[in-house]
Amino acid sequence: MIWWLKARRVHPYLVWGMVAFTAAALVIQDSTVIVPSFGVAEALATEGFTPISFFVPLIMVGALAQTLDNRLPSAEESGVRRVRWMDSGLIIATMAVVVVLAVVGNRVTGSEDVLTSGRSTCFLAGLMLCARALVSRSGIILPLAWTFAVIFFGRRTSLDYYEWAVTAQPPGNTLAQTCAAAALALGLVLTHYSRDTL
């Protein structure tokens, strides 16, 4: 267990990733920036206010990807420990902690964007895990691409997002919660049963 934690570099990546995630979510809260949106239907709306919190989940998704990319293939293949099960447990535990941090952050600040960052992290982590199972380490690009797709093409109006823009939906949106859970579950399955998780 100890060698596995050291091999995955859980302390430098995940622990500090959680610290950075929490700090960013608490500092940014509901802050916005003006970003061009190519999908806005309003004739005069060429720019929209985009929550900076859209980018906060990428901190934890990147930290998780980096942790999973650190391996000792020969030791893992010849060892008797079930490394894939431990990796799955690590992913679930990480997402659970992220959701708890988001809920606590919401209680402290009252910011809906802080709360949404927990769900968005689960969704984007699920996308990353699905992509990693198919395209190896390049899978980290998918959550980033999704985030920018939502920003640039995810709006009907400056304040109304399409249903597919999961990371932009309000905290209580049932479809967004379902998509986040489904993406994470599928990512876990693909990661667990993929021959090459790198």
N, C-alpha and C. Protein backbone atom coordinates (compact mmCIF):
# COMPACT_ATOMS: atom_id res chain seq x y z
N MET A 1 0.82 -1.20 0.00
CA MET A 1 0.00 0.00 0.00
C MET A 1 0.86 1.27 0.00
N ILE A 2 1.90 1.26 0.82
CA ILE A 2 2.77 2.43 0.91
C ILE A 2 3.47 2.68 -0.41
N TRP A 3 4.00 1.60 -1.04
CA TRP A 3 4.71 1.79 -2.30
C TRP A 3 3.76 2.28 -3.38
N TRP A 4 2.51 1.81 -3.31
CA TRP A 4 1.51 2.25 -4.30
C TRP A 4 1.22 3.74 -4.16
N LEU A 5 1.05 4.21 -2.91
CA LEU A 5 0.82 5.63 -2.67
C LEU A 5 2.01 6.47 -3.13
N LYS A 6 3.22 5.95 -2.87
CA LYS A 6 4.42 6.68 -3.30
C LYS A 6 4.56 6.66 -4.81
N ALA A 7 4.26 5.50 -5.42
CA ALA A 7 4.37 5.40 -6.88
C ALA A 7 3.38 6.33 -7.57
N ARG A 8 2.18 6.43 -7.02
CA ARG A 8 1.16 7.31 -7.60
C ARG A 8 1.41 8.78 -7.26
N ARG A 9 2.29 9.02 -6.31
CA ARG A 9 2.61 10.39 -5.87
C ARG A 9 1.35 11.12 -5.42
N VAL A 10 0.60 10.44 -4.56
CA VAL A 10 -0.66 10.98 -4.07
C VAL A 10 -0.46 12.28 -3.31
N HIS A 11 0.57 12.32 -2.45
CA HIS A 11 0.77 13.53 -1.64
C HIS A 11 1.09 14.76 -2.48
N PRO A 12 2.08 14.72 -3.36
CA PRO A 12 2.39 15.96 -4.10
C PRO A 12 1.32 16.36 -5.11
N TYR A 13 0.58 15.40 -5.63
CA TYR A 13 -0.40 15.75 -6.67
C TYR A 13 -1.81 15.92 -6.11
N LEU A 14 -2.37 14.88 -5.53
CA LEU A 14 -3.77 14.96 -5.09
C LEU A 14 -3.97 15.86 -3.88
N VAL A 15 -3.11 15.73 -2.89
CA VAL A 15 -3.29 16.54 -1.68
C VAL A 15 -3.14 18.03 -2.00
N TRP A 16 -2.06 18.37 -2.70
CA TRP A 16 -1.88 19.77 -3.06
C TRP A 16 -2.88 20.23 -4.10
N GLY A 17 -3.34 19.29 -4.94
CA GLY A 17 -4.41 19.62 -5.89
C GLY A 17 -5.68 20.01 -5.16
N MET A 18 -6.00 19.29 -4.10
CA MET A 18 -7.19 19.62 -3.30
C MET A 18 -7.05 20.96 -2.61
N VAL A 19 -5.85 21.23 -2.13
CA VAL A 19 -5.61 22.54 -1.50
C VAL A 19 -5.81 23.65 -2.53
N ALA A 20 -5.23 23.47 -3.72
CA ALA A 20 -5.37 24.49 -4.78
C ALA A 20 -6.82 24.61 -5.23
N PHE A 21 -7.51 23.49 -5.38
CA PHE A 21 -8.92 23.48 -5.78
C PHE A 21 -9.77 24.26 -4.78
N THR A 22 -9.58 23.97 -3.50
CA THR A 22 -10.36 24.63 -2.45
C THR A 22 -10.06 26.12 -2.40
N ALA A 23 -8.79 26.46 -2.45
CA ALA A 23 -8.40 27.88 -2.41
C ALA A 23 -8.96 28.64 -3.60
N ALA A 24 -8.85 28.05 -4.79
CA ALA A 24 -9.35 28.71 -6.00
C ALA A 24 -10.86 28.89 -5.93
N ALA A 25 -11.58 27.85 -5.50
CA ALA A 25 -13.04 27.94 -5.42
C ALA A 25 -13.48 29.01 -4.42
N LEU A 26 -12.79 29.09 -3.28
CA LEU A 26 -13.16 30.06 -2.26
C LEU A 26 -12.80 31.49 -2.65
N VAL A 27 -11.69 31.65 -3.35
CA VAL A 27 -11.27 32.99 -3.76
C VAL A 27 -12.10 33.49 -4.94
N ILE A 28 -12.32 32.62 -5.92
CA ILE A 28 -13.02 33.02 -7.14
C ILE A 28 -14.51 33.19 -6.91
N GLN A 29 -15.13 32.24 -6.23
CA GLN A 29 -16.57 32.23 -5.96
C GLN A 29 -17.39 32.53 -7.21
N ASP A 30 -18.10 33.66 -7.23
CA ASP A 30 -18.99 33.98 -8.36
C ASP A 30 -18.37 34.98 -9.33
N SER A 31 -17.06 35.15 -9.31
CA SER A 31 -16.41 36.11 -10.21
C SER A 31 -16.58 35.68 -11.66
N THR A 32 -16.67 36.67 -12.54
CA THR A 32 -16.85 36.39 -13.96
C THR A 32 -15.84 37.17 -14.80
N VAL A 33 -15.67 36.70 -16.02
CA VAL A 33 -14.87 37.41 -17.01
C VAL A 33 -15.69 37.49 -18.29
N ILE A 34 -15.39 38.48 -19.11
CA ILE A 34 -16.09 38.60 -20.39
C ILE A 34 -15.33 37.79 -21.43
N VAL A 35 -16.02 36.82 -22.01
CA VAL A 35 -15.42 35.94 -23.01
C VAL A 35 -16.35 35.90 -24.22
N PRO A 36 -15.81 35.96 -25.44
CA PRO A 36 -16.67 35.85 -26.63
C PRO A 36 -17.43 34.53 -26.64
N SER A 37 -18.68 34.58 -27.07
CA SER A 37 -19.48 33.36 -27.18
C SER A 37 -20.05 33.29 -28.59
N PHE A 38 -19.67 32.27 -29.32
CA PHE A 38 -20.08 32.15 -30.72
C PHE A 38 -21.48 31.58 -30.87
N GLY A 39 -22.04 31.05 -29.79
CA GLY A 39 -23.34 30.41 -29.89
C GLY A 39 -24.50 31.25 -29.41
N VAL A 40 -24.26 32.46 -28.95
CA VAL A 40 -25.33 33.29 -28.41
C VAL A 40 -26.26 33.72 -29.53
N ALA A 41 -27.56 33.49 -29.33
CA ALA A 41 -28.54 33.78 -30.37
C ALA A 41 -28.93 35.25 -30.42
N GLU A 42 -28.69 35.97 -29.35
CA GLU A 42 -29.07 37.38 -29.33
C GLU A 42 -28.22 38.17 -30.32
N ALA A 43 -28.84 39.01 -31.08
CA ALA A 43 -28.16 39.74 -32.15
C ALA A 43 -27.03 40.62 -31.62
N LEU A 44 -27.25 41.23 -30.48
CA LEU A 44 -26.26 42.17 -29.97
C LEU A 44 -25.28 41.54 -28.98
N ALA A 45 -25.55 40.30 -28.60
CA ALA A 45 -24.71 39.67 -27.57
C ALA A 45 -23.56 38.91 -28.21
N THR A 46 -22.44 39.56 -28.35
CA THR A 46 -21.25 38.90 -28.90
C THR A 46 -20.30 38.49 -27.78
N GLU A 47 -20.58 38.95 -26.58
CA GLU A 47 -19.75 38.59 -25.44
C GLU A 47 -20.66 38.22 -24.27
N GLY A 48 -20.19 37.36 -23.43
CA GLY A 48 -20.98 36.96 -22.28
C GLY A 48 -20.11 36.91 -21.04
N PHE A 49 -20.75 37.04 -19.90
CA PHE A 49 -20.02 36.93 -18.64
C PHE A 49 -19.88 35.46 -18.30
N THR A 50 -18.66 34.98 -18.25
CA THR A 50 -18.37 33.58 -17.98
C THR A 50 -17.80 33.45 -16.57
N PRO A 51 -18.40 32.58 -15.75
CA PRO A 51 -17.84 32.37 -14.41
C PRO A 51 -16.41 31.81 -14.49
N ILE A 52 -15.51 32.40 -13.76
CA ILE A 52 -14.13 31.90 -13.72
C ILE A 52 -14.11 30.50 -13.10
N SER A 53 -15.14 30.21 -12.31
CA SER A 53 -15.21 28.90 -11.65
C SER A 53 -15.33 27.75 -12.64
N PHE A 54 -15.64 28.03 -13.91
CA PHE A 54 -15.66 26.97 -14.93
C PHE A 54 -14.30 26.27 -15.01
N PHE A 55 -13.24 27.00 -14.68
CA PHE A 55 -11.89 26.45 -14.81
C PHE A 55 -11.40 25.74 -13.54
N VAL A 56 -12.06 25.98 -12.41
CA VAL A 56 -11.61 25.40 -11.14
C VAL A 56 -11.56 23.88 -11.16
N PRO A 57 -12.57 23.18 -11.71
CA PRO A 57 -12.50 21.71 -11.71
C PRO A 57 -11.29 21.14 -12.44
N LEU A 58 -10.76 21.88 -13.39
CA LEU A 58 -9.61 21.39 -14.15
C LEU A 58 -8.39 21.18 -13.26
N ILE A 59 -8.33 21.88 -12.14
CA ILE A 59 -7.21 21.69 -11.20
C ILE A 59 -7.19 20.26 -10.69
N MET A 60 -8.35 19.79 -10.21
CA MET A 60 -8.41 18.44 -9.65
C MET A 60 -8.36 17.37 -10.73
N VAL A 61 -8.95 17.66 -11.88
CA VAL A 61 -8.91 16.68 -12.98
C VAL A 61 -7.47 16.47 -13.43
N GLY A 62 -6.72 17.56 -13.54
CA GLY A 62 -5.31 17.45 -13.91
C GLY A 62 -4.48 16.73 -12.86
N ALA A 63 -4.76 17.03 -11.59
CA ALA A 63 -4.03 16.37 -10.50
C ALA A 63 -4.32 14.87 -10.48
N LEU A 64 -5.58 14.50 -10.70
CA LEU A 64 -5.95 13.09 -10.72
C LEU A 64 -5.30 12.37 -11.89
N ALA A 65 -5.32 13.01 -13.05
CA ALA A 65 -4.69 12.40 -14.24
C ALA A 65 -3.20 12.19 -14.01
N GLN A 66 -2.55 13.18 -13.44
CA GLN A 66 -1.11 13.08 -13.18
C GLN A 66 -0.81 11.96 -12.18
N THR A 67 -1.67 11.84 -11.18
CA THR A 67 -1.49 10.77 -10.19
C THR A 67 -1.62 9.40 -10.84
N LEU A 68 -2.64 9.22 -11.66
CA LEU A 68 -2.85 7.92 -12.31
C LEU A 68 -1.77 7.60 -13.34
N ASP A 69 -1.15 8.63 -13.88
CA ASP A 69 -0.09 8.43 -14.88
C ASP A 69 1.22 7.97 -14.26
N ASN A 70 1.37 8.15 -12.96
CA ASN A 70 2.59 7.71 -12.27
C ASN A 70 2.45 6.24 -11.89
N ARG A 71 3.22 5.41 -12.56
CA ARG A 71 3.11 3.97 -12.34
C ARG A 71 4.48 3.32 -12.27
N LEU A 72 4.48 2.11 -11.75
CA LEU A 72 5.63 1.21 -11.82
C LEU A 72 5.13 -0.06 -12.50
N PRO A 73 5.05 -0.05 -13.84
CA PRO A 73 4.40 -1.14 -14.57
C PRO A 73 4.90 -2.53 -14.22
N SER A 74 6.21 -2.72 -14.15
CA SER A 74 6.74 -4.06 -13.88
C SER A 74 6.34 -4.54 -12.49
N ALA A 75 6.43 -3.66 -11.50
CA ALA A 75 6.06 -4.04 -10.13
C ALA A 75 4.56 -4.30 -10.02
N GLU A 76 3.77 -3.50 -10.74
CA GLU A 76 2.32 -3.65 -10.66
C GLU A 76 1.85 -4.93 -11.34
N GLU A 77 2.51 -5.30 -12.43
CA GLU A 77 2.11 -6.51 -13.15
C GLU A 77 2.54 -7.78 -12.43
N SER A 78 3.67 -7.70 -11.73
CA SER A 78 4.18 -8.90 -11.05
C SER A 78 3.71 -9.00 -9.60
N GLY A 79 3.14 -7.94 -9.07
CA GLY A 79 2.71 -7.94 -7.67
C GLY A 79 1.40 -8.68 -7.46
N VAL A 80 1.10 -8.92 -6.20
CA VAL A 80 -0.12 -9.65 -5.86
C VAL A 80 -1.26 -8.70 -5.47
N ARG A 81 -0.95 -7.45 -5.27
CA ARG A 81 -1.99 -6.50 -4.89
C ARG A 81 -2.83 -6.13 -6.11
N ARG A 82 -4.09 -5.86 -5.86
CA ARG A 82 -5.02 -5.50 -6.93
C ARG A 82 -4.94 -4.00 -7.16
N VAL A 83 -3.99 -3.61 -7.97
CA VAL A 83 -3.71 -2.19 -8.19
C VAL A 83 -4.89 -1.48 -8.85
N ARG A 84 -5.55 -2.14 -9.79
CA ARG A 84 -6.69 -1.50 -10.46
C ARG A 84 -7.82 -1.19 -9.47
N TRP A 85 -8.03 -2.10 -8.53
CA TRP A 85 -9.05 -1.84 -7.51
C TRP A 85 -8.63 -0.68 -6.62
N MET A 86 -7.35 -0.61 -6.30
CA MET A 86 -6.87 0.50 -5.47
C MET A 86 -6.98 1.82 -6.23
N ASP A 87 -6.69 1.80 -7.54
CA ASP A 87 -6.85 3.01 -8.35
C ASP A 87 -8.31 3.45 -8.38
N SER A 88 -9.22 2.47 -8.55
CA SER A 88 -10.65 2.80 -8.56
C SER A 88 -11.07 3.40 -7.22
N GLY A 89 -10.59 2.82 -6.14
CA GLY A 89 -10.88 3.36 -4.82
C GLY A 89 -10.34 4.77 -4.64
N LEU A 90 -9.15 5.00 -5.17
CA LEU A 90 -8.54 6.33 -5.09
C LEU A 90 -9.37 7.36 -5.85
N ILE A 91 -9.85 6.99 -7.03
CA ILE A 91 -10.68 7.89 -7.83
C ILE A 91 -11.97 8.23 -7.09
N ILE A 92 -12.64 7.21 -6.57
CA ILE A 92 -13.90 7.42 -5.85
C ILE A 92 -13.67 8.28 -4.61
N ALA A 93 -12.63 7.98 -3.85
CA ALA A 93 -12.33 8.76 -2.64
C ALA A 93 -12.02 10.21 -2.98
N THR A 94 -11.26 10.41 -4.06
CA THR A 94 -10.91 11.78 -4.47
C THR A 94 -12.15 12.58 -4.84
N MET A 95 -13.04 11.98 -5.63
CA MET A 95 -14.26 12.69 -6.03
C MET A 95 -15.17 12.93 -4.83
N ALA A 96 -15.21 11.99 -3.89
CA ALA A 96 -16.03 12.18 -2.69
C ALA A 96 -15.51 13.36 -1.87
N VAL A 97 -14.20 13.45 -1.72
CA VAL A 97 -13.61 14.57 -0.98
C VAL A 97 -13.88 15.89 -1.70
N VAL A 98 -13.78 15.88 -3.02
CA VAL A 98 -14.04 17.10 -3.80
C VAL A 98 -15.48 17.57 -3.60
N VAL A 99 -16.43 16.65 -3.64
CA VAL A 99 -17.83 17.02 -3.44
C VAL A 99 -18.04 17.57 -2.03
N VAL A 100 -17.44 16.94 -1.03
CA VAL A 100 -17.56 17.42 0.35
C VAL A 100 -16.96 18.82 0.47
N LEU A 101 -15.79 19.04 -0.13
CA LEU A 101 -15.16 20.37 -0.10
C LEU A 101 -16.06 21.41 -0.76
N ALA A 102 -16.70 21.03 -1.87
CA ALA A 102 -17.59 21.96 -2.57
C ALA A 102 -18.82 22.29 -1.72
N VAL A 103 -19.38 21.29 -1.06
CA VAL A 103 -20.55 21.52 -0.20
C VAL A 103 -20.18 22.41 0.98
N VAL A 104 -19.07 22.11 1.62
CA VAL A 104 -18.61 22.93 2.75
C VAL A 104 -18.30 24.35 2.29
N GLY A 105 -17.64 24.47 1.14
CA GLY A 105 -17.34 25.79 0.59
C GLY A 105 -18.59 26.59 0.31
N ASN A 106 -19.63 25.91 -0.17
CA ASN A 106 -20.91 26.57 -0.42
C ASN A 106 -21.55 27.05 0.88
N ARG A 107 -21.45 26.22 1.92
CA ARG A 107 -22.02 26.61 3.22
C ARG A 107 -21.28 27.82 3.79
N VAL A 108 -19.99 27.87 3.57
CA VAL A 108 -19.18 28.97 4.11
C VAL A 108 -19.41 30.26 3.33
N THR A 109 -19.43 30.16 2.00
CA THR A 109 -19.49 31.36 1.16
C THR A 109 -20.89 31.69 0.65
N GLY A 110 -21.76 30.69 0.57
CA GLY A 110 -23.08 30.91 -0.03
C GLY A 110 -23.04 30.97 -1.54
N SER A 111 -21.91 30.65 -2.13
CA SER A 111 -21.74 30.74 -3.58
C SER A 111 -22.21 29.46 -4.27
N GLU A 112 -23.13 29.60 -5.23
CA GLU A 112 -23.59 28.44 -6.00
C GLU A 112 -22.49 27.91 -6.90
N ASP A 113 -21.62 28.79 -7.37
CA ASP A 113 -20.54 28.35 -8.26
C ASP A 113 -19.56 27.43 -7.53
N VAL A 114 -19.35 27.67 -6.25
CA VAL A 114 -18.49 26.79 -5.45
C VAL A 114 -19.12 25.41 -5.36
N LEU A 115 -20.43 25.36 -5.14
CA LEU A 115 -21.13 24.08 -5.06
C LEU A 115 -21.10 23.35 -6.40
N THR A 116 -21.32 24.08 -7.47
CA THR A 116 -21.33 23.48 -8.80
C THR A 116 -19.97 22.91 -9.18
N SER A 117 -18.91 23.49 -8.65
CA SER A 117 -17.56 23.02 -9.00
C SER A 117 -17.34 21.56 -8.61
N GLY A 118 -18.01 21.10 -7.56
CA GLY A 118 -17.89 19.70 -7.16
C GLY A 118 -18.49 18.77 -8.20
N ARG A 119 -19.72 19.08 -8.63
CA ARG A 119 -20.37 18.26 -9.66
C ARG A 119 -19.60 18.33 -10.97
N SER A 120 -19.14 19.51 -11.33
CA SER A 120 -18.41 19.68 -12.59
C SER A 120 -17.10 18.89 -12.57
N THR A 121 -16.45 18.83 -11.41
CA THR A 121 -15.22 18.04 -11.29
C THR A 121 -15.50 16.57 -11.54
N CYS A 122 -16.59 16.06 -10.97
CA CYS A 122 -16.95 14.65 -11.20
C CYS A 122 -17.21 14.38 -12.67
N PHE A 123 -17.93 15.30 -13.33
CA PHE A 123 -18.24 15.12 -14.75
C PHE A 123 -16.97 15.15 -15.60
N LEU A 124 -16.15 16.17 -15.39
CA LEU A 124 -14.94 16.31 -16.20
C LEU A 124 -13.93 15.20 -15.90
N ALA A 125 -13.88 14.75 -14.65
CA ALA A 125 -13.01 13.62 -14.32
C ALA A 125 -13.49 12.36 -15.04
N GLY A 126 -14.80 12.19 -15.11
CA GLY A 126 -15.35 11.06 -15.85
C GLY A 126 -14.98 11.11 -17.32
N LEU A 127 -15.07 12.29 -17.92
CA LEU A 127 -14.66 12.44 -19.32
C LEU A 127 -13.18 12.11 -19.50
N MET A 128 -12.37 12.60 -18.57
CA MET A 128 -10.92 12.35 -18.65
C MET A 128 -10.62 10.86 -18.54
N LEU A 129 -11.30 10.17 -17.63
CA LEU A 129 -11.07 8.74 -17.45
C LEU A 129 -11.50 7.95 -18.69
N CYS A 130 -12.64 8.32 -19.27
CA CYS A 130 -13.10 7.66 -20.50
C CYS A 130 -12.08 7.86 -21.62
N ALA A 131 -11.62 9.09 -21.77
CA ALA A 131 -10.66 9.39 -22.84
C ALA A 131 -9.32 8.70 -22.59
N ARG A 132 -8.88 8.64 -21.33
CA ARG A 132 -7.60 7.97 -21.02
C ARG A 132 -7.63 6.50 -21.40
N ALA A 133 -8.79 5.88 -21.22
CA ALA A 133 -8.91 4.46 -21.55
C ALA A 133 -8.77 4.22 -23.06
N LEU A 134 -9.05 5.27 -23.84
CA LEU A 134 -9.01 5.13 -25.30
C LEU A 134 -7.76 5.71 -25.93
N VAL A 135 -7.32 6.87 -25.43
CA VAL A 135 -6.20 7.56 -26.09
C VAL A 135 -5.04 7.82 -25.13
N SER A 136 -4.99 7.10 -24.03
CA SER A 136 -3.88 7.18 -23.11
C SER A 136 -3.79 8.56 -22.44
N ARG A 137 -2.59 9.05 -22.24
CA ARG A 137 -2.39 10.31 -21.51
C ARG A 137 -3.00 11.52 -22.20
N SER A 138 -3.23 11.42 -23.49
CA SER A 138 -3.84 12.54 -24.22
C SER A 138 -5.27 12.79 -23.78
N GLY A 139 -5.84 11.88 -23.02
CA GLY A 139 -7.21 12.03 -22.56
C GLY A 139 -7.45 13.26 -21.71
N ILE A 140 -6.40 13.83 -21.16
CA ILE A 140 -6.54 15.04 -20.34
C ILE A 140 -7.05 16.22 -21.17
N ILE A 141 -6.91 16.13 -22.47
CA ILE A 141 -7.34 17.23 -23.35
C ILE A 141 -8.86 17.35 -23.39
N LEU A 142 -9.58 16.23 -23.26
CA LEU A 142 -11.04 16.25 -23.40
C LEU A 142 -11.74 17.17 -22.39
N PRO A 143 -11.42 17.12 -21.09
CA PRO A 143 -12.08 18.05 -20.16
C PRO A 143 -11.81 19.51 -20.49
N LEU A 144 -10.60 19.80 -20.91
CA LEU A 144 -10.26 21.17 -21.29
C LEU A 144 -11.05 21.59 -22.52
N ALA A 145 -11.13 20.71 -23.52
CA ALA A 145 -11.89 21.01 -24.74
C ALA A 145 -13.37 21.19 -24.41
N TRP A 146 -13.89 20.36 -23.52
CA TRP A 146 -15.30 20.48 -23.13
C TRP A 146 -15.56 21.84 -22.47
N THR A 147 -14.67 22.23 -21.58
CA THR A 147 -14.84 23.51 -20.88
C THR A 147 -14.91 24.67 -21.87
N PHE A 148 -14.00 24.68 -22.83
CA PHE A 148 -14.01 25.77 -23.82
C PHE A 148 -15.19 25.66 -24.77
N ALA A 149 -15.65 24.45 -25.07
CA ALA A 149 -16.84 24.28 -25.91
C ALA A 149 -18.06 24.87 -25.22
N VAL A 150 -18.18 24.66 -23.92
CA VAL A 150 -19.29 25.23 -23.16
C VAL A 150 -19.21 26.75 -23.17
N ILE A 151 -18.02 27.28 -22.97
CA ILE A 151 -17.86 28.74 -22.94
C ILE A 151 -18.17 29.36 -24.29
N PHE A 152 -17.66 28.77 -25.36
CA PHE A 152 -17.80 29.39 -26.69
C PHE A 152 -19.11 29.05 -27.39
N PHE A 153 -19.65 27.85 -27.16
CA PHE A 153 -20.80 27.40 -27.95
C PHE A 153 -21.99 26.93 -27.10
N GLY A 154 -21.89 27.03 -25.79
CA GLY A 154 -22.91 26.42 -24.93
C GLY A 154 -24.09 27.28 -24.55
N ARG A 155 -24.20 28.49 -25.09
CA ARG A 155 -25.27 29.39 -24.65
C ARG A 155 -26.36 29.57 -25.69
N ARG A 156 -27.59 29.65 -25.21
CA ARG A 156 -28.69 30.12 -26.05
C ARG A 156 -28.71 31.64 -26.04
N THR A 157 -28.64 32.17 -24.83
CA THR A 157 -28.54 33.61 -24.61
C THR A 157 -27.37 33.84 -23.67
N SER A 158 -27.13 35.08 -23.31
CA SER A 158 -25.97 35.36 -22.46
C SER A 158 -26.08 34.71 -21.08
N LEU A 159 -27.30 34.37 -20.65
CA LEU A 159 -27.49 33.79 -19.32
C LEU A 159 -28.07 32.38 -19.35
N ASP A 160 -28.46 31.89 -20.52
CA ASP A 160 -29.13 30.59 -20.63
C ASP A 160 -28.26 29.62 -21.42
N TYR A 161 -27.92 28.48 -20.80
CA TYR A 161 -27.06 27.49 -21.44
C TYR A 161 -27.87 26.31 -21.96
N TYR A 162 -27.37 25.69 -23.03
CA TYR A 162 -27.99 24.47 -23.55
C TYR A 162 -27.85 23.36 -22.52
N GLU A 163 -28.73 22.35 -22.66
CA GLU A 163 -28.72 21.24 -21.71
C GLU A 163 -27.41 20.46 -21.73
N TRP A 164 -26.77 20.36 -22.90
CA TRP A 164 -25.53 19.58 -23.00
C TRP A 164 -24.38 20.25 -22.25
N ALA A 165 -24.52 21.54 -21.96
CA ALA A 165 -23.47 22.27 -21.24
C ALA A 165 -23.57 21.94 -19.75
N VAL A 166 -23.24 20.72 -19.41
CA VAL A 166 -23.43 20.18 -18.06
C VAL A 166 -22.74 21.03 -17.00
N THR A 167 -21.54 21.46 -17.28
CA THR A 167 -20.76 22.19 -16.27
C THR A 167 -21.28 23.61 -16.01
N ALA A 168 -22.21 24.07 -16.84
CA ALA A 168 -22.75 25.42 -16.67
C ALA A 168 -24.12 25.43 -16.01
N GLN A 169 -24.67 24.26 -15.74
CA GLN A 169 -26.02 24.18 -15.16
C GLN A 169 -26.00 24.51 -13.67
N PRO A 170 -27.13 24.99 -13.14
CA PRO A 170 -27.19 25.31 -11.71
C PRO A 170 -27.07 24.07 -10.84
N PRO A 171 -26.78 24.23 -9.56
CA PRO A 171 -26.50 23.09 -8.68
C PRO A 171 -27.59 22.03 -8.63
N GLY A 172 -28.86 22.43 -8.66
CA GLY A 172 -29.94 21.46 -8.50
C GLY A 172 -30.40 20.79 -9.79
N ASN A 173 -29.72 21.02 -10.90
CA ASN A 173 -30.15 20.48 -12.19
C ASN A 173 -30.00 18.96 -12.20
N THR A 174 -31.14 18.27 -12.34
CA THR A 174 -31.14 16.80 -12.27
C THR A 174 -30.38 16.18 -13.43
N LEU A 175 -30.57 16.72 -14.63
CA LEU A 175 -29.88 16.17 -15.80
C LEU A 175 -28.37 16.28 -15.64
N ALA A 176 -27.90 17.43 -15.16
CA ALA A 176 -26.46 17.63 -14.96
C ALA A 176 -25.91 16.67 -13.91
N GLN A 177 -26.66 16.46 -12.84
CA GLN A 177 -26.22 15.53 -11.80
C GLN A 177 -26.16 14.10 -12.34
N THR A 178 -27.16 13.74 -13.15
CA THR A 178 -27.19 12.40 -13.74
C THR A 178 -26.02 12.21 -14.70
N CYS A 179 -25.77 13.22 -15.52
CA CYS A 179 -24.65 13.15 -16.48
C CYS A 179 -23.31 13.03 -15.75
N ALA A 180 -23.15 13.78 -14.67
CA ALA A 180 -21.90 13.72 -13.90
C ALA A 180 -21.70 12.33 -13.31
N ALA A 181 -22.76 11.78 -12.73
CA ALA A 181 -22.66 10.44 -12.13
C ALA A 181 -22.39 9.39 -13.20
N ALA A 182 -23.07 9.51 -14.35
CA ALA A 182 -22.90 8.53 -15.43
C ALA A 182 -21.50 8.60 -16.02
N ALA A 183 -21.00 9.82 -16.24
CA ALA A 183 -19.66 9.99 -16.81
C ALA A 183 -18.60 9.41 -15.88
N LEU A 184 -18.74 9.68 -14.59
CA LEU A 184 -17.77 9.16 -13.62
C LEU A 184 -17.83 7.64 -13.54
N ALA A 185 -19.05 7.09 -13.53
CA ALA A 185 -19.20 5.64 -13.45
C ALA A 185 -18.61 4.96 -14.69
N LEU A 186 -18.91 5.51 -15.87
CA LEU A 186 -18.37 4.93 -17.10
C LEU A 186 -16.85 5.05 -17.13
N GLY A 187 -16.34 6.19 -16.69
CA GLY A 187 -14.89 6.38 -16.63
C GLY A 187 -14.22 5.38 -15.71
N LEU A 188 -14.85 5.10 -14.57
CA LEU A 188 -14.31 4.11 -13.63
C LEU A 188 -14.27 2.72 -14.25
N VAL A 189 -15.36 2.35 -14.93
CA VAL A 189 -15.43 1.03 -15.56
C VAL A 189 -14.37 0.89 -16.64
N LEU A 190 -14.28 1.90 -17.51
CA LEU A 190 -13.30 1.84 -18.60
C LEU A 190 -11.87 1.83 -18.07
N THR A 191 -11.62 2.61 -17.03
CA THR A 191 -10.28 2.64 -16.44
C THR A 191 -9.93 1.30 -15.80
N HIS A 192 -10.89 0.72 -15.12
CA HIS A 192 -10.65 -0.54 -14.41
C HIS A 192 -10.38 -1.70 -15.37
N TYR A 193 -11.12 -1.72 -16.48
CA TYR A 193 -11.01 -2.86 -17.38
C TYR A 193 -10.16 -2.60 -18.62
N SER A 194 -9.62 -1.40 -18.72
CA SER A 194 -8.74 -1.09 -19.85
C SER A 194 -7.40 -1.78 -19.66
N ARG A 195 -6.87 -2.35 -20.72
CA ARG A 195 -5.56 -3.01 -20.64
C ARG A 195 -4.45 -2.00 -20.37
N ASP A 196 -4.56 -0.87 -21.04
CA ASP A 196 -3.52 0.15 -20.90
C ASP A 196 -4.15 1.40 -20.34
N THR A 197 -3.98 1.64 -19.06
CA THR A 197 -4.56 2.83 -18.44
C THR A 197 -3.65 4.03 -18.53
N LEU A 198 -2.57 3.91 -19.24
CA LEU A 198 -1.70 5.06 -19.49
C LEU A 198 -2.09 5.73 -20.78
